Amino acid sequence: MTQPTATTVRFLCAKTRSVAFLLSAISFLIYPIILRAQEEQPRQVFDRAVSDFQGGRIEESVAGFDRLVKLAPTALPQLWQRGIALYYAGRFKDCRAQFESHRTVNPDDVENAAWHFLCVARGESPAKAKAALLPVGPDSRVPMSQIYQMLRGELTVEQVLKAGGFQMEGQFYAELYVGLYLEALGNAEQALKHIRNASADRYSGSGYMHDVARVHHDRLVKPVSSAKP
């Protein structure tokens, strides 16, 4: 077999180096594209954080929402779901800040003011929560006006429950926010009664907030560590 000449060897070596350089350059150019393709999109992160919360996986949910804020910082004011997850994670200062941020895009919402109240009450005291109660605009949902008056100390829980009326949605919101309010005031026994009522299957049409009631009830009656993926 004929041995390659020195010229041929030099040519092949140069050719190999050229190909290696070209492949390296291509890899350098496409690597960021591959990384971007592998990154999760904000919607995917949001959906997983919501799913984790609905499954009672609070720490995972909070981590997902925090990751979402890093991916899409401008979405922060919209993320009231993050505020609720922060509440259950015990991050009351961050919870308060989230609902203060949400008010900039949803200033009329009584529920936002209620969760802000709960965060401050649990993180500091009910008296400070009452003093820091966020103003709201017109919220026509029954019984949001009465819930807000309860937070201000102007109505009793019995009056709120009565204002819930005979419609399922009104009853649900009355039971949920009375339960949350009583818990924030330290009345755990009565709180459990109303949270249990709000978590009932008959209120499943209330959507995400029914998930909140169900998760809250599960955390009251089961060890937190029992939540499974």
C-alpha atoms as a PDB file:
ATOM      1  CA  MET A   1       0.000   0.000   0.000  1.00  0.00           C
ATOM      2  CA  THR A   2       1.355   3.423  -0.997  1.00  0.00           C
ATOM      3  CA  GLN A   3       2.334   5.688   1.918  1.00  0.00           C
ATOM      4  CA  PRO A   4       1.012   9.290   1.790  1.00  0.00           C
ATOM      5  CA  THR A   5       3.565  11.957   1.021  1.00  0.00           C
ATOM      6  CA  ALA A   6       4.444  14.678   3.525  1.00  0.00           C
ATOM      7  CA  THR A   7       2.570  17.190   1.380  1.00  0.00           C
ATOM      8  CA  THR A   8      -0.546  15.048   1.492  1.00  0.00           C
ATOM      9  CA  VAL A   9      -0.291  14.658   5.279  1.00  0.00           C
ATOM     10  CA  ARG A  10       0.055  18.419   5.720  1.00  0.00           C
ATOM     11  CA  PHE A  11      -2.940  18.976   3.465  1.00  0.00           C
ATOM     12  CA  LEU A  12      -5.098  16.481   5.389  1.00  0.00           C
ATOM     13  CA  CYS A  13      -4.099  17.980   8.727  1.00  0.00           C
ATOM     14  CA  ALA A  14      -4.954  21.460   7.516  1.00  0.00           C
ATOM     15  CA  LYS A  15      -8.255  20.190   6.165  1.00  0.00           C
ATOM     16  CA  THR A  16      -9.073  18.541   9.502  1.00  0.00           C
ATOM     17  CA  ARG A  17      -8.254  21.735  11.395  1.00  0.00           C
ATOM     18  CA  SER A  18     -10.500  23.725   9.051  1.00  0.00           C
ATOM     19  CA  VAL A  19     -13.409  21.353   9.520  1.00  0.00           C
ATOM     20  CA  ALA A  20     -12.928  21.375  13.307  1.00  0.00           C
ATOM     21  CA  PHE A  21     -12.830  25.174  13.322  1.00  0.00           C
ATOM     22  CA  LEU A  22     -15.974  25.339  11.197  1.00  0.00           C
ATOM     23  CA  LEU A  23     -17.826  22.924  13.471  1.00  0.00           C
ATOM     24  CA  SER A  24     -16.718  24.891  16.521  1.00  0.00           C
ATOM     25  CA  ALA A  25     -17.944  28.139  14.985  1.00  0.00           C
ATOM     26  CA  ILE A  26     -21.296  26.581  14.095  1.00  0.00           C
ATOM     27  CA  SER A  27     -21.693  25.222  17.619  1.00  0.00           C
ATOM     28  CA  PHE A  28     -20.879  28.640  19.065  1.00  0.00           C
ATOM     29  CA  LEU A  29     -23.583  30.225  16.915  1.00  0.00           C
ATOM     30  CA  ILE A  30     -26.372  27.691  17.453  1.00  0.00           C
ATOM     31  CA  TYR A  31     -25.773  26.919  21.152  1.00  0.00           C
ATOM     32  CA  PRO A  32     -27.682  30.022  22.388  1.00  0.00           C
ATOM     33  CA  ILE A  33     -30.523  29.148  20.017  1.00  0.00           C
ATOM     34  CA  ILE A  34     -30.709  25.641  21.460  1.00  0.00           C
ATOM     35  CA  LEU A  35     -30.676  27.037  24.995  1.00  0.00           C
ATOM     36  CA  ARG A  36     -33.492  29.451  24.209  1.00  0.00           C
ATOM     37  CA  ALA A  37     -35.522  26.625  22.705  1.00  0.00           C
ATOM     38  CA  GLN A  38     -35.035  24.583  25.869  1.00  0.00           C
ATOM     39  CA  GLU A  39     -36.070  27.405  28.209  1.00  0.00           C
ATOM     40  CA  GLU A  40     -39.593  27.214  29.587  1.00  0.00           C
ATOM     41  CA  GLN A  41     -42.019  29.769  28.299  1.00  0.00           C
ATOM     42  CA  PRO A  42     -43.786  31.985  30.871  1.00  0.00           C
ATOM     43  CA  ARG A  43     -47.155  30.388  30.165  1.00  0.00           C
ATOM     44  CA  GLN A  44     -45.751  26.934  30.874  1.00  0.00           C
ATOM     45  CA  VAL A  45     -44.259  28.126  34.154  1.00  0.00           C
ATOM     46  CA  PHE A  46     -47.540  29.798  35.138  1.00  0.00           C
ATOM     47  CA  ASP A  47     -49.613  26.710  34.344  1.00  0.00           C
ATOM     48  CA  ARG A  48     -47.288  24.480  36.358  1.00  0.00           C
ATOM     49  CA  ALA A  49     -47.325  26.859  39.332  1.00  0.00           C
ATOM     50  CA  VAL A  50     -51.121  26.883  39.271  1.00  0.00           C
ATOM     51  CA  SER A  51     -51.241  23.091  38.989  1.00  0.00           C
ATOM     52  CA  ASP A  52     -48.829  22.732  41.901  1.00  0.00           C
ATOM     53  CA  PHE A  53     -51.016  24.967  44.040  1.00  0.00           C
ATOM     54  CA  GLN A  54     -54.148  23.044  43.119  1.00  0.00           C
ATOM     55  CA  GLY A  55     -52.317  19.866  44.126  1.00  0.00           C
ATOM     56  CA  GLY A  56     -51.384  21.331  47.498  1.00  0.00           C
ATOM     57  CA  ARG A  57     -47.689  21.598  46.594  1.00  0.00           C
ATOM     58  CA  ILE A  58     -47.253  25.084  47.970  1.00  0.00           C
ATOM     59  CA  GLU A  59     -43.465  25.378  47.983  1.00  0.00           C
ATOM     60  CA  GLU A  60     -43.260  24.155  44.397  1.00  0.00           C
ATOM     61  CA  SER A  61     -46.022  26.575  43.405  1.00  0.00           C
ATOM     62  CA  VAL A  62     -44.266  29.537  44.999  1.00  0.00           C
ATOM     63  CA  ALA A  63     -40.966  28.567  43.368  1.00  0.00           C
ATOM     64  CA  GLY A  64     -42.744  28.451  40.012  1.00  0.00           C
ATOM     65  CA  PHE A  65     -44.345  31.854  40.454  1.00  0.00           C
ATOM     66  CA  ASP A  66     -41.020  33.333  41.557  1.00  0.00           C
ATOM     67  CA  ARG A  67     -39.379  31.863  38.464  1.00  0.00           C
ATOM     68  CA  LEU A  68     -42.147  33.352  36.336  1.00  0.00           C
ATOM     69  CA  VAL A  69     -41.469  36.813  37.785  1.00  0.00           C
ATOM     70  CA  LYS A  70     -37.815  36.443  36.766  1.00  0.00           C
ATOM     71  CA  LEU A  71     -38.779  35.353  33.256  1.00  0.00           C
ATOM     72  CA  ALA A  72     -41.450  38.043  32.813  1.00  0.00           C
ATOM     73  CA  PRO A  73     -41.017  40.833  35.399  1.00  0.00           C
ATOM     74  CA  THR A  74     -43.764  42.958  33.849  1.00  0.00           C
ATOM     75  CA  ALA A  75     -46.301  40.225  34.672  1.00  0.00           C
ATOM     76  CA  LEU A  76     -45.845  40.725  38.438  1.00  0.00           C
ATOM     77  CA  PRO A  77     -48.858  43.011  39.057  1.00  0.00           C
ATOM     78  CA  GLN A  78     -51.200  40.500  37.423  1.00  0.00           C
ATOM     79  CA  LEU A  79     -50.149  37.543  39.565  1.00  0.00           C
ATOM     80  CA  TRP A  80     -52.716  37.490  42.354  1.00  0.00           C
ATOM     81  CA  GLN A  81     -52.392  33.700  42.323  1.00  0.00           C
ATOM     82  CA  ARG A  82     -48.782  34.176  43.442  1.00  0.00           C
ATOM     83  CA  GLY A  83     -49.977  36.281  46.368  1.00  0.00           C
ATOM     84  CA  ILE A  84     -52.263  33.495  47.570  1.00  0.00           C
ATOM     85  CA  ALA A  85     -49.481  30.911  47.256  1.00  0.00           C
ATOM     86  CA  LEU A  86     -47.156  33.211  49.222  1.00  0.00           C
ATOM     87  CA  TYR A  87     -49.787  33.439  51.969  1.00  0.00           C
ATOM     88  CA  TYR A  88     -49.847  29.671  52.404  1.00  0.00           C
ATOM     89  CA  ALA A  89     -46.049  29.557  52.287  1.00  0.00           C
ATOM     90  CA  GLY A  90     -45.944  31.977  55.233  1.00  0.00           C
ATOM     91  CA  ARG A  91     -44.153  34.682  53.253  1.00  0.00           C
ATOM     92  CA  PHE A  92     -46.487  37.363  54.533  1.00  0.00           C
ATOM     93  CA  LYS A  93     -44.337  40.390  53.679  1.00  0.00           C
ATOM     94  CA  ASP A  94     -44.003  39.252  50.058  1.00  0.00           C
ATOM     95  CA  CYS A  95     -47.697  38.348  50.057  1.00  0.00           C
ATOM     96  CA  ARG A  96     -48.609  41.873  51.147  1.00  0.00           C
ATOM     97  CA  ALA A  97     -46.396  43.391  48.463  1.00  0.00           C
ATOM     98  CA  GLN A  98     -47.964  41.191  45.772  1.00  0.00           C
ATOM     99  CA  PHE A  99     -51.486  42.357  46.545  1.00  0.00           C
ATOM    100  CA  GLU A 100     -50.372  45.968  46.754  1.00  0.00           C
ATOM    101  CA  SER A 101     -48.907  45.480  43.279  1.00  0.00           C
ATOM    102  CA  HIS A 102     -52.074  43.814  42.005  1.00  0.00           C
ATOM    103  CA  ARG A 103     -54.139  46.787  43.112  1.00  0.00           C
ATOM    104  CA  THR A 104     -52.364  48.893  40.461  1.00  0.00           C
ATOM    105  CA  VAL A 105     -54.088  46.823  37.754  1.00  0.00           C
ATOM    106  CA  ASN A 106     -57.258  45.799  39.601  1.00  0.00           C
ATOM    107  CA  PRO A 107     -58.156  48.623  42.008  1.00  0.00           C
ATOM    108  CA  ASP A 108     -61.833  47.754  42.534  1.00  0.00           C
ATOM    109  CA  ASP A 109     -61.417  44.149  43.651  1.00  0.00           C
ATOM    110  CA  VAL A 110     -62.531  43.418  47.229  1.00  0.00           C
ATOM    111  CA  GLU A 111     -60.838  40.007  47.186  1.00  0.00           C
ATOM    112  CA  ASN A 112     -57.485  41.701  46.617  1.00  0.00           C
ATOM    113  CA  ALA A 113     -58.069  43.909  49.657  1.00  0.00           C
ATOM    114  CA  ALA A 114     -59.156  40.862  51.662  1.00  0.00           C
ATOM    115  CA  TRP A 115     -56.008  38.900  50.899  1.00  0.00           C
ATOM    116  CA  HIS A 116     -53.894  41.945  51.658  1.00  0.00           C
ATOM    117  CA  PHE A 117     -55.696  42.151  55.013  1.00  0.00           C
ATOM    118  CA  LEU A 118     -54.979  38.470  55.681  1.00  0.00           C
ATOM    119  CA  CYS A 119     -51.282  38.824  54.848  1.00  0.00           C
ATOM    120  CA  VAL A 120     -50.847  41.788  57.179  1.00  0.00           C
ATOM    121  CA  ALA A 121     -52.950  40.202  59.928  1.00  0.00           C
ATOM    122  CA  ARG A 122     -50.896  37.005  59.885  1.00  0.00           C
ATOM    123  CA  GLY A 123     -47.569  38.759  59.412  1.00  0.00           C
ATOM    124  CA  GLU A 124     -48.174  41.560  61.923  1.00  0.00           C
ATOM    125  CA  SER A 125     -51.578  41.836  63.609  1.00  0.00           C
ATOM    126  CA  PRO A 126     -55.287  42.166  62.788  1.00  0.00           C
ATOM    127  CA  ALA A 127     -55.215  45.752  64.091  1.00  0.00           C
ATOM    128  CA  LYS A 128     -52.432  46.690  61.683  1.00  0.00           C
ATOM    129  CA  ALA A 129     -54.252  44.868  58.885  1.00  0.00           C
ATOM    130  CA  LYS A 130     -57.370  46.925  59.533  1.00  0.00           C
ATOM    131  CA  ALA A 131     -55.334  50.147  59.571  1.00  0.00           C
ATOM    132  CA  ALA A 132     -53.627  49.183  56.297  1.00  0.00           C
ATOM    133  CA  LEU A 133     -56.815  47.996  54.542  1.00  0.00           C
ATOM    134  CA  LEU A 134     -56.579  48.808  50.846  1.00  0.00           C
ATOM    135  CA  PRO A 135     -59.268  51.031  49.352  1.00  0.00           C
ATOM    136  CA  VAL A 136     -61.515  49.447  46.728  1.00  0.00           C
ATOM    137  CA  GLY A 137     -63.904  50.572  44.042  1.00  0.00           C
ATOM    138  CA  PRO A 138     -67.327  49.226  43.111  1.00  0.00           C
ATOM    139  CA  ASP A 139     -67.397  45.406  43.241  1.00  0.00           C
ATOM    140  CA  SER A 140     -70.916  44.257  42.403  1.00  0.00           C
ATOM    141  CA  ARG A 141     -70.406  40.609  43.286  1.00  0.00           C
ATOM    142  CA  VAL A 142     -72.473  39.339  46.226  1.00  0.00           C
ATOM    143  CA  PRO A 143     -71.469  39.719  49.057  1.00  0.00           C
ATOM    144  CA  MET A 144     -68.226  41.612  48.368  1.00  0.00           C
ATOM    145  CA  SER A 145     -69.459  44.894  49.819  1.00  0.00           C
ATOM    146  CA  GLN A 146     -70.370  43.194  53.084  1.00  0.00           C
ATOM    147  CA  ILE A 147     -67.051  41.315  53.199  1.00  0.00           C
ATOM    148  CA  TYR A 148     -65.234  44.609  52.918  1.00  0.00           C
ATOM    149  CA  GLN A 149     -67.349  46.107  55.693  1.00  0.00           C
ATOM    150  CA  MET A 150     -66.495  43.082  57.849  1.00  0.00           C
ATOM    151  CA  LEU A 151     -62.782  43.736  57.305  1.00  0.00           C
ATOM    152  CA  ARG A 152     -63.366  47.316  58.396  1.00  0.00           C
ATOM    153  CA  GLY A 153     -65.073  46.112  61.556  1.00  0.00           C
ATOM    154  CA  GLU A 154     -68.461  47.472  60.509  1.00  0.00           C
ATOM    155  CA  LEU A 155     -70.332  44.174  60.025  1.00  0.00           C
ATOM    156  CA  THR A 156     -70.330  40.866  61.870  1.00  0.00           C
ATOM    157  CA  VAL A 157     -69.597  37.513  60.283  1.00  0.00           C
ATOM    158  CA  GLU A 158     -73.276  36.597  60.759  1.00  0.00           C
ATOM    159  CA  GLN A 159     -74.303  39.602  58.681  1.00  0.00           C
ATOM    160  CA  VAL A 160     -71.886  38.595  55.920  1.00  0.00           C
ATOM    161  CA  LEU A 161     -73.207  35.034  55.890  1.00  0.00           C
ATOM    162  CA  LYS A 162     -76.761  36.336  55.660  1.00  0.00           C
ATOM    163  CA  ALA A 163     -75.755  38.677  52.823  1.00  0.00           C
ATOM    164  CA  GLY A 164     -74.476  35.641  50.896  1.00  0.00           C
ATOM    165  CA  GLY A 165     -78.117  34.983  50.067  1.00  0.00           C
ATOM    166  CA  PHE A 166     -79.435  31.954  48.250  1.00  0.00           C
ATOM    167  CA  GLN A 167     -77.133  31.950  45.218  1.00  0.00           C
ATOM    168  CA  MET A 168     -74.320  29.406  45.279  1.00  0.00           C
ATOM    169  CA  GLU A 169     -71.614  31.920  44.423  1.00  0.00           C
ATOM    170  CA  GLY A 170     -72.685  34.352  47.130  1.00  0.00           C
ATOM    171  CA  GLN A 171     -72.826  31.590  49.720  1.00  0.00           C
ATOM    172  CA  PHE A 172     -69.403  30.345  48.694  1.00  0.00           C
ATOM    173  CA  TYR A 173     -67.691  33.724  48.983  1.00  0.00           C
ATOM    174  CA  ALA A 174     -69.367  34.401  52.332  1.00  0.00           C
ATOM    175  CA  GLU A 175     -68.228  31.073  53.774  1.00  0.00           C
ATOM    176  CA  LEU A 176     -64.691  31.382  52.393  1.00  0.00           C
ATOM    177  CA  TYR A 177     -63.938  34.915  53.525  1.00  0.00           C
ATOM    178  CA  VAL A 178     -65.655  34.528  56.884  1.00  0.00           C
ATOM    179  CA  GLY A 179     -63.480  31.455  57.474  1.00  0.00           C
ATOM    180  CA  LEU A 180     -60.296  33.209  56.398  1.00  0.00           C
ATOM    181  CA  TYR A 181     -61.165  36.263  58.474  1.00  0.00           C
ATOM    182  CA  LEU A 182     -61.869  34.228  61.609  1.00  0.00           C
ATOM    183  CA  GLU A 183     -58.608  32.352  61.202  1.00  0.00           C
ATOM    184  CA  ALA A 184     -56.690  35.617  60.897  1.00  0.00           C
ATOM    185  CA  LEU A 185     -58.340  36.752  64.142  1.00  0.00           C
ATOM    186  CA  GLY A 186     -57.234  33.554  65.870  1.00  0.00           C
ATOM    187  CA  ASN A 187     -60.595  31.756  65.987  1.00  0.00           C
ATOM    188  CA  ALA A 188     -59.369  28.493  64.476  1.00  0.00           C
ATOM    189  CA  GLU A 189     -62.337  26.333  65.472  1.00  0.00           C
ATOM    190  CA  GLN A 190     -64.974  28.538  63.835  1.00  0.00           C
ATOM    191  CA  ALA A 191     -62.660  29.178  60.890  1.00  0.00           C
ATOM    192  CA  LEU A 192     -62.429  25.459  60.139  1.00  0.00           C
ATOM    193  CA  LYS A 193     -66.216  25.174  60.086  1.00  0.00           C
ATOM    194  CA  HIS A 194     -66.590  27.835  57.395  1.00  0.00           C
ATOM    195  CA  ILE A 195     -63.567  26.741  55.361  1.00  0.00           C
ATOM    196  CA  ARG A 196     -65.002  23.226  55.368  1.00  0.00           C
ATOM    197  CA  ASN A 197     -68.288  24.588  54.089  1.00  0.00           C
ATOM    198  CA  ALA A 198     -66.548  26.573  51.339  1.00  0.00           C
ATOM    199  CA  SER A 199     -64.540  23.527  50.233  1.00  0.00           C
ATOM    200  CA  ALA A 200     -67.679  21.434  49.648  1.00  0.00           C
ATOM    201  CA  ASP A 201     -68.101  19.945  46.185  1.00  0.00           C
ATOM    202  CA  ARG A 202     -71.328  21.856  45.595  1.00  0.00           C
ATOM    203  CA  TYR A 203     -69.225  25.019  45.225  1.00  0.00           C
ATOM    204  CA  SER A 204     -66.806  23.555  42.666  1.00  0.00           C
ATOM    205  CA  GLY A 205     -68.227  25.918  40.047  1.00  0.00           C
ATOM    206  CA  SER A 206     -66.445  28.780  41.802  1.00  0.00           C
ATOM    207  CA  GLY A 207     -63.241  27.822  39.999  1.00  0.00           C
ATOM    208  CA  TYR A 208     -59.818  28.717  41.324  1.00  0.00           C
ATOM    209  CA  MET A 209     -61.122  30.161  44.574  1.00  0.00           C
ATOM    210  CA  HIS A 210     -62.815  26.843  45.305  1.00  0.00           C
ATOM    211  CA  ASP A 211     -59.401  25.251  44.786  1.00  0.00           C
ATOM    212  CA  VAL A 212     -58.101  27.703  47.387  1.00  0.00           C
ATOM    213  CA  ALA A 213     -60.824  26.661  49.846  1.00  0.00           C
ATOM    214  CA  ARG A 214     -60.105  22.982  49.225  1.00  0.00           C
ATOM    215  CA  VAL A 215     -56.335  23.385  49.631  1.00  0.00           C
ATOM    216  CA  HIS A 216     -56.851  25.446  52.776  1.00  0.00           C
ATOM    217  CA  HIS A 217     -59.177  22.837  54.262  1.00  0.00           C
ATOM    218  CA  ASP A 218     -56.741  20.026  53.449  1.00  0.00           C
ATOM    219  CA  ARG A 219     -53.933  21.902  55.165  1.00  0.00           C
ATOM    220  CA  LEU A 220     -56.075  22.381  58.264  1.00  0.00           C
ATOM    221  CA  VAL A 221     -57.082  18.748  58.610  1.00  0.00           C
ATOM    222  CA  LYS A 222     -54.005  16.953  57.207  1.00  0.00           C
ATOM    223  CA  PRO A 223     -50.254  17.263  57.808  1.00  0.00           C
ATOM    224  CA  VAL A 224     -48.732  19.654  55.249  1.00  0.00           C
ATOM    225  CA  SER A 225     -46.226  16.986  54.253  1.00  0.00           C
ATOM    226  CA  SER A 226     -49.040  14.745  53.008  1.00  0.00           C
ATOM    227  CA  ALA A 227     -49.426  16.673  49.738  1.00  0.00           C
ATOM    228  CA  LYS A 228     -48.244  14.449  46.884  1.00  0.00           C
ATOM    229  CA  PRO A 229     -47.454  15.277  43.248  1.00  0.00           C
END
